């Protein structure tokens, strides 16, 4: 028509998306157009946070557990035995001896005596 020159007109309308298709043959209206599918919803913010936080927490807990186990193994190998020194049962200063006598006995002149 004169008032409407040939223009590619919208062939289908899906929701708010308009699909335009032009053809160079007769009976263009009989052509099956691919339908536009719904876009995938993807992950919401909560799901995305869970997907990120889950592995991060797992790695952190695993590392803490490994450090704890390694630390306990080294502590066990370097632990001092619980046996007490038998000299602690006897008093250092015997009865009848004063601290002054003990200091005099322990003091040397430094010349090998």
PDB file of N, CA and C in Angstrom:
ATOM      1  N   UNK A   1       0.828  -1.200   0.000  1.00  0.00           N
ATOM      2  CA  UNK A   1       0.000   0.000   0.000  1.00  0.00           C
ATOM      3  C   UNK A   1       0.865   1.253   0.000  1.00  0.00           C
ATOM      4  N   UNK A   2       0.279   2.322  -0.593  1.00  0.00           N
ATOM      5  CA  UNK A   2       1.016   3.576  -0.679  1.00  0.00           C
ATOM      6  C   UNK A   2       1.224   4.231   0.669  1.00  0.00           C
ATOM      7  N   UNK A   3       0.255   4.164   1.509  1.00  0.00           N
ATOM      8  CA  UNK A   3       0.388   4.821   2.814  1.00  0.00           C
ATOM      9  C   UNK A   3       1.324   4.033   3.751  1.00  0.00           C
ATOM     10  N   UNK A   4       1.590   2.798   3.380  1.00  0.00           N
ATOM     11  CA  UNK A   4       2.471   1.976   4.231  1.00  0.00           C
ATOM     12  C   UNK A   4       3.462   1.247   3.328  1.00  0.00           C
ATOM     13  N   UNK A   5       4.667   1.796   3.163  1.00  0.00           N
ATOM     14  CA  UNK A   5       5.653   1.136   2.311  1.00  0.00           C
ATOM     15  C   UNK A   5       6.137  -0.154   2.976  1.00  0.00           C
ATOM     16  N   UNK A   6       6.797  -0.977   2.177  1.00  0.00           N
ATOM     17  CA  UNK A   6       7.259  -2.270   2.689  1.00  0.00           C
ATOM     18  C   UNK A   6       8.281  -2.048   3.794  1.00  0.00           C
ATOM     19  N   UNK A   7       7.954  -2.541   4.955  1.00  0.00           N
ATOM     20  CA  UNK A   7       8.824  -2.450   6.122  1.00  0.00           C
ATOM     21  C   UNK A   7       8.740  -3.787   6.821  1.00  0.00           C
ATOM     22  N   UNK A   8       9.805  -4.205   7.431  1.00  0.00           N
ATOM     23  CA  UNK A   8       9.767  -5.448   8.205  1.00  0.00           C
ATOM     24  C   UNK A   8       8.924  -5.199   9.437  1.00  0.00           C
ATOM     25  N   UNK A   9       7.799  -5.822   9.471  1.00  0.00           N
ATOM     26  CA  UNK A   9       6.869  -5.643  10.582  1.00  0.00           C
ATOM     27  C   UNK A   9       7.113  -6.726  11.624  1.00  0.00           C
ATOM     28  N   UNK A  10       6.758  -6.448  12.849  1.00  0.00           N
ATOM     29  CA  UNK A  10       6.934  -7.476  13.882  1.00  0.00           C
ATOM     30  C   UNK A  10       6.077  -8.691  13.544  1.00  0.00           C
ATOM     31  N   UNK A  11       6.684  -9.873  13.606  1.00  0.00           N
ATOM     32  CA  UNK A  11       5.950 -11.074  13.247  1.00  0.00           C
ATOM     33  C   UNK A  11       5.352 -11.769  14.456  1.00  0.00           C
ATOM     34  N   UNK A  12       5.895 -11.587  15.580  1.00  0.00           N
ATOM     35  CA  UNK A  12       5.305 -12.184  16.787  1.00  0.00           C
ATOM     36  C   UNK A  12       5.699 -11.342  17.984  1.00  0.00           C
ATOM     37  N   UNK A  13       4.909 -11.461  18.999  1.00  0.00           N
ATOM     38  CA  UNK A  13       5.179 -10.686  20.199  1.00  0.00           C
ATOM     39  C   UNK A  13       5.117 -11.651  21.380  1.00  0.00           C
ATOM     40  N   UNK A  14       6.218 -11.794  22.092  1.00  0.00           N
ATOM     41  CA  UNK A  14       6.283 -12.688  23.236  1.00  0.00           C
ATOM     42  C   UNK A  14       6.552 -11.842  24.467  1.00  0.00           C
ATOM     43  N   UNK A  15       5.563 -11.660  25.280  1.00  0.00           N
ATOM     44  CA  UNK A  15       5.734 -10.811  26.452  1.00  0.00           C
ATOM     45  C   UNK A  15       6.069  -9.410  26.013  1.00  0.00           C
ATOM     46  N   UNK A  16       7.216  -8.920  26.404  1.00  0.00           N
ATOM     47  CA  UNK A  16       7.622  -7.576  26.008  1.00  0.00           C
ATOM     48  C   UNK A  16       8.686  -7.618  24.909  1.00  0.00           C
ATOM     49  N   UNK A  17       9.059  -8.828  24.464  1.00  0.00           N
ATOM     50  CA  UNK A  17      10.078  -8.964  23.430  1.00  0.00           C
ATOM     51  C   UNK A  17       9.404  -9.097  22.078  1.00  0.00           C
ATOM     52  N   UNK A  18       9.796  -8.279  21.117  1.00  0.00           N
ATOM     53  CA  UNK A  18       9.238  -8.335  19.770  1.00  0.00           C
ATOM     54  C   UNK A  18      10.291  -8.907  18.838  1.00  0.00           C
ATOM     55  N   UNK A  19       9.892  -9.908  18.074  1.00  0.00           N
ATOM     56  CA  UNK A  19      10.805 -10.528  17.130  1.00  0.00           C
ATOM     57  C   UNK A  19      10.458 -10.053  15.732  1.00  0.00           C
ATOM     58  N   UNK A  20      11.434  -9.521  15.020  1.00  0.00           N
ATOM     59  CA  UNK A  20      11.215  -9.032  13.660  1.00  0.00           C
ATOM     60  C   UNK A  20      11.934  -9.965  12.693  1.00  0.00           C
ATOM     61  N   UNK A  21      11.218 -10.329  11.598  1.00  0.00           N
ATOM     62  CA  UNK A  21      11.806 -11.235  10.618  1.00  0.00           C
ATOM     63  C   UNK A  21      11.436 -10.748   9.232  1.00  0.00           C
ATOM     64  N   UNK A  22      12.410 -10.586   8.368  1.00  0.00           N
ATOM     65  CA  UNK A  22      12.153 -10.169   6.987  1.00  0.00           C
ATOM     66  C   UNK A  22      12.486 -11.320   6.050  1.00  0.00           C
ATOM     67  N   UNK A  23      11.718 -11.451   4.989  1.00  0.00           N
ATOM     68  CA  UNK A  23      12.007 -12.488   4.005  1.00  0.00           C
ATOM     69  C   UNK A  23      11.861 -11.911   2.602  1.00  0.00           C
ATOM     70  N   UNK A  24      12.451 -12.582   1.644  1.00  0.00           N
ATOM     71  CA  UNK A  24      12.429 -12.125   0.260  1.00  0.00           C
ATOM     72  C   UNK A  24      11.609 -13.071  -0.615  1.00  0.00           C
ATOM     73  N   UNK A  25      10.594 -13.657  -0.100  1.00  0.00           N
ATOM     74  CA  UNK A  25       9.771 -14.599  -0.868  1.00  0.00           C
ATOM     75  C   UNK A  25       8.300 -14.386  -0.558  1.00  0.00           C
ATOM     76  N   UNK A  26       7.459 -15.109  -1.265  1.00  0.00           N
ATOM     77  CA  UNK A  26       6.022 -15.026  -1.023  1.00  0.00           C
ATOM     78  C   UNK A  26       5.658 -15.840   0.212  1.00  0.00           C
ATOM     79  N   UNK A  27       4.511 -15.530   0.754  1.00  0.00           N
ATOM     80  CA  UNK A  27       3.940 -16.243   1.903  1.00  0.00           C
ATOM     81  C   UNK A  27       4.875 -16.235   3.126  1.00  0.00           C
ATOM     82  N   UNK A  28       5.384 -15.084   3.444  1.00  0.00           N
ATOM     83  CA  UNK A  28       6.282 -14.959   4.601  1.00  0.00           C
ATOM     84  C   UNK A  28       5.575 -15.272   5.912  1.00  0.00           C
ATOM     85  N   UNK A  29       4.271 -15.103   5.941  1.00  0.00           N
ATOM     86  CA  UNK A  29       3.549 -15.357   7.186  1.00  0.00           C
ATOM     87  C   UNK A  29       3.507 -16.839   7.536  1.00  0.00           C
ATOM     88  N   UNK A  30       3.796 -17.714   6.566  1.00  0.00           N
ATOM     89  CA  UNK A  30       3.745 -19.149   6.837  1.00  0.00           C
ATOM     90  C   UNK A  30       5.057 -19.691   7.398  1.00  0.00           C
ATOM     91  N   UNK A  31       6.076 -18.855   7.470  1.00  0.00           N
ATOM     92  CA  UNK A  31       7.373 -19.314   7.975  1.00  0.00           C
ATOM     93  C   UNK A  31       7.289 -19.455   9.498  1.00  0.00           C
ATOM     94  N   UNK A  32       7.764 -20.603   9.976  1.00  0.00           N
ATOM     95  CA  UNK A  32       7.810 -20.833  11.429  1.00  0.00           C
ATOM     96  C   UNK A  32       9.022 -20.110  12.002  1.00  0.00           C
ATOM     97  N   UNK A  33       8.778 -19.244  12.914  1.00  0.00           N
ATOM     98  CA  UNK A  33       9.866 -18.522  13.566  1.00  0.00           C
ATOM     99  C   UNK A  33      10.231 -19.224  14.868  1.00  0.00           C
ATOM    100  N   UNK A  34      11.490 -19.249  15.183  1.00  0.00           N
ATOM    101  CA  UNK A  34      11.870 -19.849  16.471  1.00  0.00           C
ATOM    102  C   UNK A  34      11.311 -19.003  17.607  1.00  0.00           C
ATOM    103  N   UNK A  35      10.786 -19.679  18.589  1.00  0.00           N
ATOM    104  CA  UNK A  35      10.231 -18.947  19.731  1.00  0.00           C
ATOM    105  C   UNK A  35      11.354 -18.601  20.692  1.00  0.00           C
ATOM    106  N   UNK A  36      11.217 -17.461  21.261  1.00  0.00           N
ATOM    107  CA  UNK A  36      12.204 -17.004  22.229  1.00  0.00           C
ATOM    108  C   UNK A  36      11.855 -17.635  23.567  1.00  0.00           C
ATOM    109  N   UNK A  37      12.785 -18.427  24.098  1.00  0.00           N
ATOM    110  CA  UNK A  37      12.552 -19.072  25.391  1.00  0.00           C
ATOM    111  C   UNK A  37      12.761 -18.101  26.525  1.00  0.00           C
ATOM    112  N   UNK A  38      12.271 -18.501  27.670  1.00  0.00           N
ATOM    113  CA  UNK A  38      12.479 -17.669  28.850  1.00  0.00           C
ATOM    114  C   UNK A  38      13.960 -17.683  29.196  1.00  0.00           C
ATOM    115  N   UNK A  39      14.485 -16.553  29.556  1.00  0.00           N
ATOM    116  CA  UNK A  39      15.892 -16.553  29.970  1.00  0.00           C
ATOM    117  C   UNK A  39      16.043 -17.367  31.250  1.00  0.00           C
ATOM    118  N   UNK A  40      17.169 -18.055  31.347  1.00  0.00           N
ATOM    119  CA  UNK A  40      17.377 -18.879  32.541  1.00  0.00           C
ATOM    120  C   UNK A  40      17.438 -17.975  33.767  1.00  0.00           C
ATOM    121  N   UNK A  41      16.805 -18.438  34.811  1.00  0.00           N
ATOM    122  CA  UNK A  41      16.719 -17.611  36.015  1.00  0.00           C
ATOM    123  C   UNK A  41      18.078 -17.459  36.681  1.00  0.00           C
ATOM    124  N   UNK A  42      18.970 -18.432  36.499  1.00  0.00           N
ATOM    125  CA  UNK A  42      20.290 -18.336  37.115  1.00  0.00           C
ATOM    126  C   UNK A  42      20.184 -18.461  38.627  1.00  0.00           C
ATOM    127  N   UNK A  43      21.214 -18.062  39.279  1.00  0.00           N
ATOM    128  CA  UNK A  43      21.245 -18.139  40.732  1.00  0.00           C
ATOM    129  C   UNK A  43      20.852 -16.797  41.325  1.00  0.00           C
ATOM    130  N   UNK A  44      20.014 -16.867  42.335  1.00  0.00           N
ATOM    131  CA  UNK A  44      19.656 -15.657  43.059  1.00  0.00           C
ATOM    132  C   UNK A  44      20.798 -15.257  43.980  1.00  0.00           C
ATOM    133  N   UNK A  45      20.675 -14.136  44.654  1.00  0.00           N
ATOM    134  CA  UNK A  45      21.767 -13.679  45.520  1.00  0.00           C
ATOM    135  C   UNK A  45      22.057 -14.635  46.672  1.00  0.00           C
ATOM    136  N   UNK A  46      21.019 -15.252  47.230  1.00  0.00           N
ATOM    137  CA  UNK A  46      21.234 -16.169  48.354  1.00  0.00           C
ATOM    138  C   UNK A  46      21.942 -17.430  47.871  1.00  0.00           C
ATOM    139  N   UNK A  47      21.490 -17.974  46.727  1.00  0.00           N
ATOM    140  CA  UNK A  47      22.118 -19.177  46.198  1.00  0.00           C
ATOM    141  C   UNK A  47      23.564 -18.910  45.806  1.00  0.00           C
ATOM    142  N   UNK A  48      23.805 -17.760  45.199  1.00  0.00           N
ATOM    143  CA  UNK A  48      25.162 -17.410  44.800  1.00  0.00           C
ATOM    144  C   UNK A  48      26.070 -17.268  46.023  1.00  0.00           C
ATOM    145  N   UNK A  49      25.564 -16.649  47.070  1.00  0.00           N
ATOM    146  CA  UNK A  49      26.349 -16.513  48.302  1.00  0.00           C
ATOM    147  C   UNK A  49      26.648 -17.882  48.901  1.00  0.00           C
ATOM    148  N   UNK A  50      25.672 -18.788  48.864  1.00  0.00           N
ATOM    149  CA  UNK A  50      25.884 -20.132  49.403  1.00  0.00           C
ATOM    150  C   UNK A  50      26.906 -20.902  48.575  1.00  0.00           C
ATOM    151  N   UNK A  51      26.854 -20.737  47.261  1.00  0.00           N
ATOM    152  CA  UNK A  51      27.800 -21.435  46.386  1.00  0.00           C
ATOM    153  C   UNK A  51      29.226 -20.944  46.633  1.00  0.00           C
ATOM    154  N   UNK A  52      29.382 -19.682  46.943  1.00  0.00           N
ATOM    155  CA  UNK A  52      30.719 -19.137  47.207  1.00  0.00           C
ATOM    156  C   UNK A  52      31.155 -19.441  48.641  1.00  0.00           C
ATOM    157  N   UNK A  53      30.271 -19.230  49.602  1.00  0.00           N
ATOM    158  CA  UNK A  53      30.641 -19.373  51.012  1.00  0.00           C
ATOM    159  C   UNK A  53      30.861 -20.829  51.409  1.00  0.00           C
ATOM    160  N   UNK A  54      30.141 -21.747  50.808  1.00  0.00           N
ATOM    161  CA  UNK A  54      30.279 -23.162  51.165  1.00  0.00           C
ATOM    162  C   UNK A  54      31.698 -23.676  50.996  1.00  0.00           C
ATOM    163  N   UNK A  55      32.267 -23.607  49.803  1.00  0.00           N
ATOM    164  CA  UNK A  55      33.642 -24.089  49.632  1.00  0.00           C
ATOM    165  C   UNK A  55      34.669 -23.295  50.434  1.00  0.00           C
ATOM    166  N   UNK A  56      34.454 -21.993  50.582  1.00  0.00           N
ATOM    167  CA  UNK A  56      35.399 -21.184  51.361  1.00  0.00           C
ATOM    168  C   UNK A  56      35.409 -21.648  52.817  1.00  0.00           C
ATOM    169  N   UNK A  57      34.240 -21.872  53.394  1.00  0.00           N
ATOM    170  CA  UNK A  57      34.159 -22.361  54.776  1.00  0.00           C
ATOM    171  C   UNK A  57      34.784 -23.746  54.895  1.00  0.00           C
ATOM    172  N   UNK A  58      34.530 -24.603  53.920  1.00  0.00           N
ATOM    173  CA  UNK A  58      35.097 -25.952  53.942  1.00  0.00           C
ATOM    174  C   UNK A  58      36.621 -25.899  53.930  1.00  0.00           C
ATOM    175  N   UNK A  59      37.194 -25.059  53.096  1.00  0.00           N
ATOM    176  CA  UNK A  59      38.653 -24.940  53.018  1.00  0.00           C
ATOM    177  C   UNK A  59      39.212 -24.385  54.324  1.00  0.00           C
ATOM    178  N   UNK A  60      38.562 -23.374  54.896  1.00  0.00           N
ATOM    179  CA  UNK A  60      39.038 -22.780  56.154  1.00  0.00           C
ATOM    180  C   UNK A  60      38.993 -23.789  57.294  1.00  0.00           C
ATOM    181  N   UNK A  61      37.898 -24.513  57.411  1.00  0.00           N
ATOM    182  CA  UNK A  61      37.767 -25.507  58.481  1.00  0.00           C
ATOM    183  C   UNK A  61      38.789 -26.620  58.285  1.00  0.00           C
ATOM    184  N   UNK A  62      39.012 -27.042  57.041  1.00  0.00           N
ATOM    185  CA  UNK A  62      40.006 -28.085  56.771  1.00  0.00           C
ATOM    186  C   UNK A  62      41.406 -27.618  57.164  1.00  0.00           C
ATOM    187  N   UNK A  63      41.743 -26.380  56.827  1.00  0.00           N
ATOM    188  CA  UNK A  63      43.062 -25.857  57.190  1.00  0.00           C
ATOM    189  C   UNK A  63      43.235 -25.763  58.703  1.00  0.00           C
ATOM    190  N   UNK A  64      42.201 -25.294  59.403  1.00  0.00           N
ATOM    191  CA  UNK A  64      42.285 -25.206  60.866  1.00  0.00           C
ATOM    192  C   UNK A  64      42.446 -26.590  61.482  1.00  0.00           C
ATOM    193  N   UNK A  65      41.752 -27.576  60.955  1.00  0.00           N
ATOM    194  CA  UNK A  65      41.854 -28.944  61.461  1.00  0.00           C
ATOM    195  C   UNK A  65      43.256 -29.498  61.218  1.00  0.00           C
ATOM    196  N   UNK A  66      43.824 -29.243  60.056  1.00  0.00           N
ATOM    197  CA  UNK A  66      45.178 -29.722  59.765  1.00  0.00           C
ATOM    198  C   UNK A  66      46.202 -29.068  60.687  1.00  0.00           C
ATOM    199  N   UNK A  67      46.078 -27.772  60.914  1.00  0.00           N
ATOM    200  CA  UNK A  67      47.006 -27.078  61.816  1.00  0.00           C
ATOM    201  C   UNK A  67      46.871 -27.620  63.231  1.00  0.00           C
ATOM    202  N   UNK A  68      45.649 -27.864  63.678  1.00  0.00           N
ATOM    203  CA  UNK A  68      45.416 -28.396  65.025  1.00  0.00           C
ATOM    204  C   UNK A  68      46.057 -29.773  65.177  1.00  0.00           C
ATOM    205  N   UNK A  69      45.865 -30.638  64.187  1.00  0.00           N
ATOM    206  CA  UNK A  69      46.420 -31.995  64.266  1.00  0.00           C
ATOM    207  C   UNK A  69      47.945 -31.950  64.247  1.00  0.00           C
ATOM    208  N   UNK A  70      48.523 -31.150  63.362  1.00  0.00           N
ATOM    209  CA  UNK A  70      49.986 -31.045  63.302  1.00  0.00           C
ATOM    210  C   UNK A  70      50.551 -30.459  64.589  1.00  0.00           C
ATOM    211  N   UNK A  71      49.883 -29.473  65.145  1.00  0.00           N
ATOM    212  CA  UNK A  71      50.341 -28.866  66.396  1.00  0.00           C
ATOM    213  C   UNK A  71      50.315 -29.885  67.529  1.00  0.00           C
ATOM    214  N   UNK A  72      49.248 -30.669  67.621  1.00  0.00           N
ATOM    215  CA  UNK A  72      49.158 -31.673  68.685  1.00  0.00           C
ATOM    216  C   UNK A  72      50.235 -32.739  68.534  1.00  0.00           C
ATOM    217  N   UNK A  73      50.565 -33.116  67.308  1.00  0.00           N
ATOM    218  CA  UNK A  73      51.611 -34.121  67.109  1.00  0.00           C
ATOM    219  C   UNK A  73      52.962 -33.589  67.572  1.00  0.00           C
ATOM    220  N   UNK A  74      53.271 -32.335  67.280  1.00  0.00           N
ATOM    221  CA  UNK A  74      54.558 -31.786  67.704  1.00  0.00           C
ATOM    222  C   UNK A  74      54.602 -31.602  69.214  1.00  0.00           C
ATOM    223  N   UNK A  75      53.501 -31.259  69.824  1.00  0.00           N
ATOM    224  CA  UNK A  75      53.466 -31.089  71.279  1.00  0.00           C
ATOM    225  C   UNK A  75      53.685 -32.427  71.965  1.00  0.00           C
ATOM    226  N   UNK A  76      53.105 -33.494  71.435  1.00  0.00           N
ATOM    227  CA  UNK A  76      53.261 -34.822  72.041  1.00  0.00           C
ATOM    228  C   UNK A  76      54.723 -35.257  71.977  1.00  0.00           C
ATOM    229  N   UNK A  77      55.422 -34.978  70.875  1.00  0.00           N
ATOM    230  CA  UNK A  77      56.808 -35.411  70.728  1.00  0.00           C
ATOM    231  C   UNK A  77      57.772 -34.567  71.557  1.00  0.00           C
ATOM    232  N   UNK A  78      57.418 -33.344  71.885  1.00  0.00           N
ATOM    233  CA  UNK A  78      58.306 -32.473  72.653  1.00  0.00           C
ATOM    234  C   UNK A  78      57.866 -32.316  74.104  1.00  0.00           C
ATOM    235  N   UNK A  79      56.964 -33.132  74.533  1.00  0.00           N
ATOM    236  CA  UNK A  79      56.437 -33.008  75.889  1.00  0.00           C
ATOM    237  C   UNK A  79      57.465 -33.515  76.904  1.00  0.00           C
ATOM    238  N   UNK A  80      57.614 -32.812  78.030  1.00  0.00           N
ATOM    239  CA  UNK A  80      58.502 -33.216  79.115  1.00  0.00           C
ATOM    240  C   UNK A  80      57.785 -34.293  79.919  1.00  0.00           C
ATOM    241  N   UNK A  81      58.484 -35.355  80.289  1.00  0.00           N
ATOM    242  CA  UNK A  81      57.815 -36.408  81.073  1.00  0.00           C
ATOM    243  C   UNK A  81      57.277 -35.862  82.391  1.00  0.00           C
ATOM    244  N   UNK A  82      56.250 -36.495  82.888  1.00  0.00           N
ATOM    245  CA  UNK A  82      55.601 -36.037  84.113  1.00  0.00           C
ATOM    246  C   UNK A  82      56.361 -36.433  85.376  1.00  0.00           C
ATOM    247  N   UNK A  83      57.434 -37.202  85.222  1.00  0.00           N
ATOM    248  CA  UNK A  83      58.179 -37.605  86.408  1.00  0.00           C
ATOM    249  C   UNK A  83      58.806 -36.372  87.043  1.00  0.00           C
ATOM    250  N   UNK A  84      58.603 -36.244  88.331  1.00  0.00           N
ATOM    251  CA  UNK A  84      59.165 -35.096  89.031  1.00  0.00           C
ATOM    252  C   UNK A  84      60.599 -35.399  89.433  1.00  0.00           C
ATOM    253  N   UNK A  85      61.362 -34.365  89.613  1.00  0.00           N
ATOM    254  CA  UNK A  85      62.754 -34.510  90.022  1.00  0.00           C
ATOM    255  C   UNK A  85      62.786 -35.030  91.456  1.00  0.00           C
ATOM    256  N   UNK A  86      63.465 -36.173  91.697  1.00  0.00           N
ATOM    257  CA  UNK A  86      63.482 -36.727  93.066  1.00  0.00           C
ATOM    258  C   UNK A  86      64.186 -35.823  94.067  1.00  0.00           C
ATOM    259  N   UNK A  87      65.062 -34.929  93.610  1.00  0.00           N
ATOM    260  CA  UNK A  87      65.759 -34.050  94.547  1.00  0.00           C
ATOM    261  C   UNK A  87      64.811 -33.027  95.168  1.00  0.00           C
ATOM    262  N   UNK A  88      63.632 -32.821  94.543  1.00  0.00           N
ATOM    263  CA  UNK A  88      62.684 -31.862  95.099  1.00  0.00           C
ATOM    264  C   UNK A  88      62.022 -32.389  96.368  1.00  0.00           C
ATOM    265  N   UNK A  89      62.077 -33.703  96.568  1.00  0.00           N
ATOM    266  CA  UNK A  89      61.473 -34.269  97.777  1.00  0.00           C
ATOM    267  C   UNK A  89      62.323 -33.985  99.013  1.00  0.00           C
ATOM    268  N   UNK A  90      63.628 -33.823  98.827  1.00  0.00           N
ATOM    269  CA  UNK A  90      64.505 -33.543  99.962  1.00  0.00           C
ATOM    270  C   UNK A  90      64.674 -32.039 100.112  1.00  0.00           C
ATOM    271  N   UNK A  91      64.701 -31.532 101.309  1.00  0.00           N
ATOM    272  CA  UNK A  91      64.919 -30.096 101.492  1.00  0.00           C
ATOM    273  C   UNK A  91      66.341 -29.718 101.082  1.00  0.00           C
ATOM    274  N   UNK A  92      66.482 -28.536 100.498  1.00  0.00           N
ATOM    275  CA  UNK A  92      67.781 -28.060 100.034  1.00  0.00           C
ATOM    276  C   UNK A  92      68.688 -27.707 101.214  1.00  0.00           C
ATOM    277  N   UNK A  93      68.095 -27.164 102.252  1.00  0.00           N
ATOM    278  CA  UNK A  93      68.848 -26.800 103.456  1.00  0.00           C
ATOM    279  C   UNK A  93      68.508 -27.834 104.522  1.00  0.00           C
ATOM    280  N   UNK A  94      69.515 -28.521 105.023  1.00  0.00           N
ATOM    281  CA  UNK A  94      69.261 -29.533 106.056  1.00  0.00           C
ATOM    282  C   UNK A  94      68.993 -28.842 107.396  1.00  0.00           C
ATOM    283  N   UNK A  95      68.410 -29.598 108.291  1.00  0.00           N
ATOM    284  CA  UNK A  95      68.069 -29.031 109.599  1.00  0.00           C
ATOM    285  C   UNK A  95      69.342 -28.671 110.354  1.00  0.00           C
ATOM    286  N   UNK A  96      69.288 -27.565 111.047  1.00  0.00           N
ATOM    287  CA  UNK A  96      70.434 -27.092 111.821  1.00  0.00           C
ATOM    288  C   UNK A  96      71.376 -26.219 111.008  1.00  0.00           C
ATOM    289  N   UNK A  97      71.088 -26.034 109.703  1.00  0.00           N
ATOM    290  CA  UNK A  97      71.929 -25.204 108.852  1.00  0.00           C
ATOM    291  C   UNK A  97      71.169 -23.928 108.517  1.00  0.00           C
ATOM    292  N   UNK A  98      71.863 -22.818 108.576  1.00  0.00           N
ATOM    293  CA  UNK A  98      71.223 -21.550 108.240  1.00  0.00           C
ATOM    294  C   UNK A  98      71.546 -21.192 106.791  1.00  0.00           C
ATOM    295  N   UNK A  99      70.851 -20.203 106.320  1.00  0.00           N
ATOM    296  CA  UNK A  99      71.078 -19.740 104.955  1.00  0.00           C
ATOM    297  C   UNK A  99      72.481 -19.140 104.832  1.00  0.00           C
ATOM    298  N   UNK A 100      72.950 -18.505 105.895  1.00  0.00           N
ATOM    299  CA  UNK A 100      74.289 -17.914 105.895  1.00  0.00           C
ATOM    300  C   UNK A 100      75.345 -18.999 105.725  1.00  0.00           C
ATOM    301  N   UNK A 101      75.160 -20.145 106.419  1.00  0.00           N
ATOM    302  CA  UNK A 101      76.105 -21.254 106.288  1.00  0.00           C
ATOM    303  C   UNK A 101      76.087 -21.814 104.863  1.00  0.00           C
ATOM    304  N   UNK A 102      74.906 -21.910 104.282  1.00  0.00           N
ATOM    305  CA  UNK A 102      74.773 -22.436 102.921  1.00  0.00           C
ATOM    306  C   UNK A 102      75.483 -21.528 101.920  1.00  0.00           C
ATOM    307  N   UNK A 103      75.312 -20.208 102.067  1.00  0.00           N
ATOM    308  CA  UNK A 103      75.961 -19.261 101.162  1.00  0.00           C
ATOM    309  C   UNK A 103      77.479 -19.341 101.330  1.00  0.00           C
ATOM    310  N   UNK A 104      77.961 -19.475 102.555  1.00  0.00           N
ATOM    311  CA  UNK A 104      79.398 -19.563 102.803  1.00  0.00           C
ATOM    312  C   UNK A 104      79.979 -20.826 102.170  1.00  0.00           C
ATOM    313  N   UNK A 105      79.253 -21.945 102.281  1.00  0.00           N
ATOM    314  CA  UNK A 105      79.738 -23.205 101.713  1.00  0.00           C
ATOM    315  C   UNK A 105      79.746 -23.177 100.181  1.00  0.00           C
ATOM    316  N   UNK A 106      78.797 -22.488  99.576  1.00  0.00           N
ATOM    317  CA  UNK A 106      78.671 -22.466  98.118  1.00  0.00           C
ATOM    318  C   UNK A 106      79.569 -21.417  97.471  1.00  0.00           C
ATOM    319  N   UNK A 107      80.073 -20.469  98.235  1.00  0.00           N
ATOM    320  CA  UNK A 107      80.875 -19.387  97.684  1.00  0.00           C
ATOM    321  C   UNK A 107      82.322 -19.836  97.580  1.00  0.00           C
ATOM    322  N   UNK A 108      82.912 -19.599  96.409  1.00  0.00           N
ATOM    323  CA  UNK A 108      84.322 -19.938  96.215  1.00  0.00           C
ATOM    324  C   UNK A 108      85.072 -18.672  95.853  1.00  0.00           C
ATOM    325  N   UNK A 109      86.378 -18.786  95.865  1.00  0.00           N
ATOM    326  CA  UNK A 109      87.199 -17.621  95.550  1.00  0.00           C
ATOM    327  C   UNK A 109      87.326 -17.423  94.052  1.00  0.00           C
ATOM    328  N   UNK A 110      86.970 -18.415  93.284  1.00  0.00           N
ATOM    329  CA  UNK A 110      87.057 -18.288  91.837  1.00  0.00           C
ATOM    330  C   UNK A 110      88.365 -18.806  91.293  1.00  0.00           C
ATOM    331  N   UNK A 111      89.249 -19.293  92.156  1.00  0.00           N
ATOM    332  CA  UNK A 111      90.536 -19.789  91.679  1.00  0.00           C
ATOM    333  C   UNK A 111      90.536 -21.314  91.617  1.00  0.00           C
ATOM    334  N   UNK A 112      89.397 -21.899  91.452  1.00  0.00           N
ATOM    335  CA  UNK A 112      89.326 -23.350  91.303  1.00  0.00           C
ATOM    336  C   UNK A 112      89.108 -24.091  92.600  1.00  0.00           C
ATOM    337  N   UNK A 113      88.862 -23.405  93.673  1.00  0.00           N
ATOM    338  CA  UNK A 113      88.682 -24.098  94.941  1.00  0.00           C
ATOM    339  C   UNK A 113      87.276 -24.560  95.156  1.00  0.00           C
TER     340      UNK A 113
END
